Amino acid sequence: MLPEFGLATVVAEFRYLGGVDCSIGLVRVRGWFFNGSGKRVGTGLWESVYSTREGGEVTGREQLPFEAYGTVTEVAESVALRVTAVECL
């Protein structure tokens, strides 16, 4: 996680490990940023189309660049991420 004044960014790689019975066209991940006391100070969002472009398939063969970012009201020290949507092609 890269904290900056007013902004926090999670930089990583995303890999689909299987388990859905269709070809995946979109994955959406939400993030909640927290300060050192555990108080939520902002939210972030990442969608696979940022990396695959429109209509791209998400497969286990490729790692996708992952960059979830959002505005924060103070310095974020931790983040919780959750997959919130998976859409079939």
N, C-alpha and C. Protein backbone atom coordinates (compact mmCIF):
# COMPACT_ATOMS: atom_id res chain seq x y z
N MET A 1 0.85 -1.17 0.00
CA MET A 1 0.00 0.00 0.00
C MET A 1 0.90 1.23 0.00
N LEU A 2 0.53 2.19 -0.82
CA LEU A 2 1.29 3.43 -0.94
C LEU A 2 0.45 4.58 -0.40
N PRO A 3 0.67 4.98 0.85
CA PRO A 3 -0.11 6.10 1.39
C PRO A 3 0.47 7.43 0.93
N GLU A 4 -0.39 8.34 0.56
CA GLU A 4 -0.02 9.71 0.22
C GLU A 4 -1.03 10.63 0.86
N PHE A 5 -0.73 11.92 0.90
CA PHE A 5 -1.67 12.87 1.47
C PHE A 5 -2.95 12.89 0.64
N GLY A 6 -4.08 12.55 1.26
CA GLY A 6 -5.36 12.58 0.59
C GLY A 6 -5.65 11.42 -0.34
N LEU A 7 -4.69 10.49 -0.50
CA LEU A 7 -4.88 9.38 -1.43
C LEU A 7 -4.14 8.16 -0.90
N ALA A 8 -4.73 6.98 -1.08
CA ALA A 8 -4.05 5.73 -0.75
C ALA A 8 -4.21 4.79 -1.92
N THR A 9 -3.17 4.03 -2.22
CA THR A 9 -3.17 3.13 -3.37
C THR A 9 -2.64 1.77 -2.96
N VAL A 10 -3.31 0.71 -3.40
CA VAL A 10 -2.82 -0.65 -3.24
C VAL A 10 -2.32 -1.09 -4.60
N VAL A 11 -1.04 -1.45 -4.68
CA VAL A 11 -0.44 -1.89 -5.93
C VAL A 11 -0.07 -3.36 -5.75
N ALA A 12 -0.56 -4.21 -6.66
CA ALA A 12 -0.32 -5.65 -6.54
C ALA A 12 -0.58 -6.31 -7.90
N GLU A 13 -0.75 -7.61 -7.88
CA GLU A 13 -1.16 -8.36 -9.07
C GLU A 13 -2.37 -9.20 -8.69
N PHE A 14 -3.31 -9.34 -9.62
CA PHE A 14 -4.51 -10.12 -9.40
C PHE A 14 -4.44 -11.36 -10.28
N ARG A 15 -4.73 -12.51 -9.70
CA ARG A 15 -4.78 -13.75 -10.48
C ARG A 15 -6.07 -14.49 -10.12
N TYR A 16 -6.83 -14.88 -11.15
CA TYR A 16 -8.06 -15.65 -10.97
C TYR A 16 -7.67 -17.12 -10.79
N LEU A 17 -8.11 -17.73 -9.71
CA LEU A 17 -7.72 -19.11 -9.41
C LEU A 17 -8.80 -20.13 -9.75
N GLY A 18 -9.87 -19.70 -10.40
CA GLY A 18 -10.91 -20.64 -10.82
C GLY A 18 -12.05 -20.72 -9.82
N GLY A 19 -13.05 -21.53 -10.19
CA GLY A 19 -14.18 -21.75 -9.31
C GLY A 19 -15.50 -21.22 -9.83
N VAL A 20 -15.48 -20.47 -10.92
CA VAL A 20 -16.72 -19.97 -11.52
C VAL A 20 -16.94 -20.73 -12.83
N ASP A 21 -18.17 -21.16 -13.08
CA ASP A 21 -18.47 -22.00 -14.24
C ASP A 21 -18.80 -21.21 -15.51
N CYS A 22 -18.01 -20.19 -15.80
CA CYS A 22 -18.18 -19.42 -17.03
C CYS A 22 -16.87 -18.71 -17.33
N SER A 23 -16.78 -18.14 -18.51
CA SER A 23 -15.63 -17.31 -18.85
C SER A 23 -15.82 -15.95 -18.20
N ILE A 24 -14.85 -15.52 -17.40
CA ILE A 24 -14.96 -14.29 -16.62
C ILE A 24 -14.60 -13.08 -17.48
N GLY A 25 -15.49 -12.11 -17.50
CA GLY A 25 -15.23 -10.90 -18.26
C GLY A 25 -14.97 -9.68 -17.39
N LEU A 26 -15.42 -9.71 -16.13
CA LEU A 26 -15.23 -8.57 -15.24
C LEU A 26 -15.10 -9.06 -13.81
N VAL A 27 -14.13 -8.52 -13.13
CA VAL A 27 -14.00 -8.72 -11.68
C VAL A 27 -13.90 -7.33 -11.07
N ARG A 28 -14.67 -7.11 -10.03
CA ARG A 28 -14.64 -5.81 -9.33
C ARG A 28 -14.23 -6.06 -7.88
N VAL A 29 -13.28 -5.27 -7.41
CA VAL A 29 -12.77 -5.38 -6.04
C VAL A 29 -12.91 -4.02 -5.36
N ARG A 30 -13.47 -4.04 -4.14
CA ARG A 30 -13.56 -2.82 -3.34
C ARG A 30 -12.55 -2.90 -2.21
N GLY A 31 -12.06 -1.74 -1.82
CA GLY A 31 -11.12 -1.68 -0.71
C GLY A 31 -11.58 -0.65 0.31
N TRP A 32 -11.31 -0.94 1.56
CA TRP A 32 -11.60 -0.02 2.65
C TRP A 32 -10.29 0.27 3.35
N PHE A 33 -9.93 1.54 3.41
CA PHE A 33 -8.68 1.96 4.03
C PHE A 33 -8.91 2.36 5.48
N PHE A 34 -7.96 2.00 6.35
CA PHE A 34 -8.08 2.24 7.79
C PHE A 34 -6.84 2.96 8.32
N ASN A 35 -7.04 3.79 9.33
CA ASN A 35 -5.89 4.44 9.98
C ASN A 35 -5.29 3.48 11.00
N GLY A 36 -4.29 3.93 11.74
CA GLY A 36 -3.62 3.08 12.71
C GLY A 36 -4.49 2.62 13.86
N SER A 37 -5.60 3.32 14.11
CA SER A 37 -6.54 2.95 15.18
C SER A 37 -7.64 2.02 14.70
N GLY A 38 -7.65 1.71 13.40
CA GLY A 38 -8.68 0.84 12.86
C GLY A 38 -9.92 1.56 12.36
N LYS A 39 -9.91 2.88 12.37
CA LYS A 39 -11.05 3.66 11.87
C LYS A 39 -10.98 3.75 10.35
N ARG A 40 -12.13 3.53 9.70
CA ARG A 40 -12.16 3.63 8.24
C ARG A 40 -11.99 5.08 7.81
N VAL A 41 -11.03 5.30 6.90
CA VAL A 41 -10.73 6.67 6.47
C VAL A 41 -10.90 6.86 4.96
N GLY A 42 -11.36 5.82 4.24
CA GLY A 42 -11.58 5.96 2.80
C GLY A 42 -11.90 4.63 2.14
N THR A 43 -12.27 4.72 0.87
CA THR A 43 -12.58 3.51 0.10
C THR A 43 -11.86 3.56 -1.24
N GLY A 44 -11.70 2.39 -1.85
CA GLY A 44 -11.06 2.30 -3.15
C GLY A 44 -11.78 1.30 -4.03
N LEU A 45 -11.44 1.29 -5.31
CA LEU A 45 -12.10 0.41 -6.27
C LEU A 45 -11.10 -0.03 -7.33
N TRP A 46 -11.23 -1.28 -7.80
CA TRP A 46 -10.46 -1.79 -8.93
C TRP A 46 -11.40 -2.65 -9.75
N GLU A 47 -11.30 -2.53 -11.09
CA GLU A 47 -12.04 -3.39 -12.00
C GLU A 47 -11.06 -3.99 -12.98
N SER A 48 -11.28 -5.25 -13.33
CA SER A 48 -10.36 -5.95 -14.23
C SER A 48 -10.28 -5.28 -15.60
N VAL A 49 -11.33 -4.57 -16.02
CA VAL A 49 -11.29 -3.92 -17.33
C VAL A 49 -10.21 -2.83 -17.38
N TYR A 50 -9.75 -2.35 -16.22
CA TYR A 50 -8.64 -1.40 -16.22
C TYR A 50 -7.40 -2.04 -16.84
N SER A 51 -7.26 -3.37 -16.69
CA SER A 51 -6.09 -4.08 -17.18
C SER A 51 -6.34 -4.82 -18.49
N THR A 52 -7.54 -5.40 -18.65
CA THR A 52 -7.82 -6.23 -19.83
C THR A 52 -8.42 -5.43 -20.98
N ARG A 53 -8.86 -4.24 -20.70
CA ARG A 53 -9.60 -3.39 -21.64
C ARG A 53 -11.01 -3.96 -21.82
N GLU A 54 -11.84 -3.28 -22.53
CA GLU A 54 -13.25 -3.66 -22.70
C GLU A 54 -13.38 -5.04 -23.32
N GLY A 55 -14.15 -5.91 -22.68
CA GLY A 55 -14.41 -7.23 -23.24
C GLY A 55 -13.31 -8.25 -23.03
N GLY A 56 -12.24 -7.89 -22.33
CA GLY A 56 -11.15 -8.83 -22.10
C GLY A 56 -11.55 -9.93 -21.14
N GLU A 57 -11.00 -11.12 -21.35
CA GLU A 57 -11.30 -12.25 -20.48
C GLU A 57 -10.28 -12.32 -19.35
N VAL A 58 -10.76 -12.63 -18.15
CA VAL A 58 -9.90 -12.82 -17.00
C VAL A 58 -9.65 -14.32 -16.86
N THR A 59 -8.42 -14.74 -16.98
CA THR A 59 -8.10 -16.17 -16.90
C THR A 59 -7.01 -16.40 -15.87
N GLY A 60 -6.82 -17.67 -15.51
CA GLY A 60 -5.75 -18.03 -14.59
C GLY A 60 -4.39 -18.03 -15.25
N ARG A 61 -4.34 -17.84 -16.56
CA ARG A 61 -3.07 -17.87 -17.27
C ARG A 61 -2.30 -16.57 -17.14
N GLU A 62 -2.96 -15.51 -16.73
CA GLU A 62 -2.29 -14.21 -16.68
C GLU A 62 -2.49 -13.54 -15.33
N GLN A 63 -1.50 -12.85 -14.90
CA GLN A 63 -1.63 -12.00 -13.72
C GLN A 63 -1.94 -10.60 -14.21
N LEU A 64 -2.95 -9.99 -13.62
CA LEU A 64 -3.35 -8.65 -14.04
C LEU A 64 -2.77 -7.61 -13.08
N PRO A 65 -2.28 -6.50 -13.62
CA PRO A 65 -1.86 -5.41 -12.73
C PRO A 65 -3.06 -4.93 -11.91
N PHE A 66 -2.85 -4.76 -10.64
CA PHE A 66 -3.91 -4.39 -9.70
C PHE A 66 -3.52 -3.08 -9.04
N GLU A 67 -4.36 -2.07 -9.21
CA GLU A 67 -4.12 -0.79 -8.56
C GLU A 67 -5.45 -0.21 -8.10
N ALA A 68 -5.76 -0.46 -6.83
CA ALA A 68 -6.99 0.09 -6.23
C ALA A 68 -6.60 1.35 -5.48
N TYR A 69 -7.29 2.42 -5.76
CA TYR A 69 -6.95 3.67 -5.09
C TYR A 69 -8.21 4.43 -4.72
N GLY A 70 -8.06 5.29 -3.74
CA GLY A 70 -9.19 6.10 -3.32
C GLY A 70 -8.73 7.25 -2.45
N THR A 71 -9.61 8.19 -2.25
CA THR A 71 -9.29 9.32 -1.39
C THR A 71 -9.45 8.91 0.07
N VAL A 72 -8.61 9.48 0.90
CA VAL A 72 -8.66 9.20 2.34
C VAL A 72 -8.63 10.51 3.11
N THR A 73 -9.23 10.49 4.29
CA THR A 73 -9.30 11.70 5.09
C THR A 73 -8.07 11.88 5.98
N GLU A 74 -7.30 10.81 6.14
CA GLU A 74 -6.03 10.86 6.86
C GLU A 74 -5.17 9.70 6.38
N VAL A 75 -3.95 9.61 6.87
CA VAL A 75 -3.03 8.58 6.38
C VAL A 75 -3.58 7.19 6.67
N ALA A 76 -3.66 6.37 5.63
CA ALA A 76 -4.12 4.99 5.78
C ALA A 76 -2.94 4.09 6.09
N GLU A 77 -3.15 3.17 7.03
CA GLU A 77 -2.09 2.24 7.41
C GLU A 77 -2.42 0.81 7.06
N SER A 78 -3.68 0.53 6.74
CA SER A 78 -4.06 -0.82 6.35
C SER A 78 -5.25 -0.75 5.41
N VAL A 79 -5.51 -1.88 4.76
CA VAL A 79 -6.62 -1.96 3.81
C VAL A 79 -7.24 -3.35 3.88
N ALA A 80 -8.55 -3.42 3.67
CA ALA A 80 -9.27 -4.68 3.53
C ALA A 80 -9.84 -4.71 2.12
N LEU A 81 -9.61 -5.79 1.40
CA LEU A 81 -10.09 -5.93 0.02
C LEU A 81 -11.11 -7.05 -0.06
N ARG A 82 -12.13 -6.84 -0.92
CA ARG A 82 -13.15 -7.87 -1.13
C ARG A 82 -13.60 -7.86 -2.58
N VAL A 83 -13.69 -9.03 -3.18
CA VAL A 83 -14.28 -9.15 -4.52
C VAL A 83 -15.77 -8.92 -4.37
N THR A 84 -16.30 -7.92 -5.08
CA THR A 84 -17.72 -7.57 -4.93
C THR A 84 -18.55 -7.92 -6.15
N ALA A 85 -17.91 -8.25 -7.29
CA ALA A 85 -18.67 -8.61 -8.48
C ALA A 85 -17.80 -9.46 -9.40
N VAL A 86 -18.43 -10.47 -9.99
CA VAL A 86 -17.81 -11.28 -11.04
C VAL A 86 -18.87 -11.45 -12.11
N GLU A 87 -18.56 -11.04 -13.34
CA GLU A 87 -19.54 -11.13 -14.43
C GLU A 87 -19.00 -12.04 -15.53
N CYS A 88 -19.89 -12.89 -16.05
CA CYS A 88 -19.54 -13.78 -17.15
C CYS A 88 -19.58 -13.04 -18.48
N LEU A 89 -18.78 -13.52 -19.43
CA LEU A 89 -18.81 -12.95 -20.78
C LEU A 89 -20.10 -13.33 -21.47
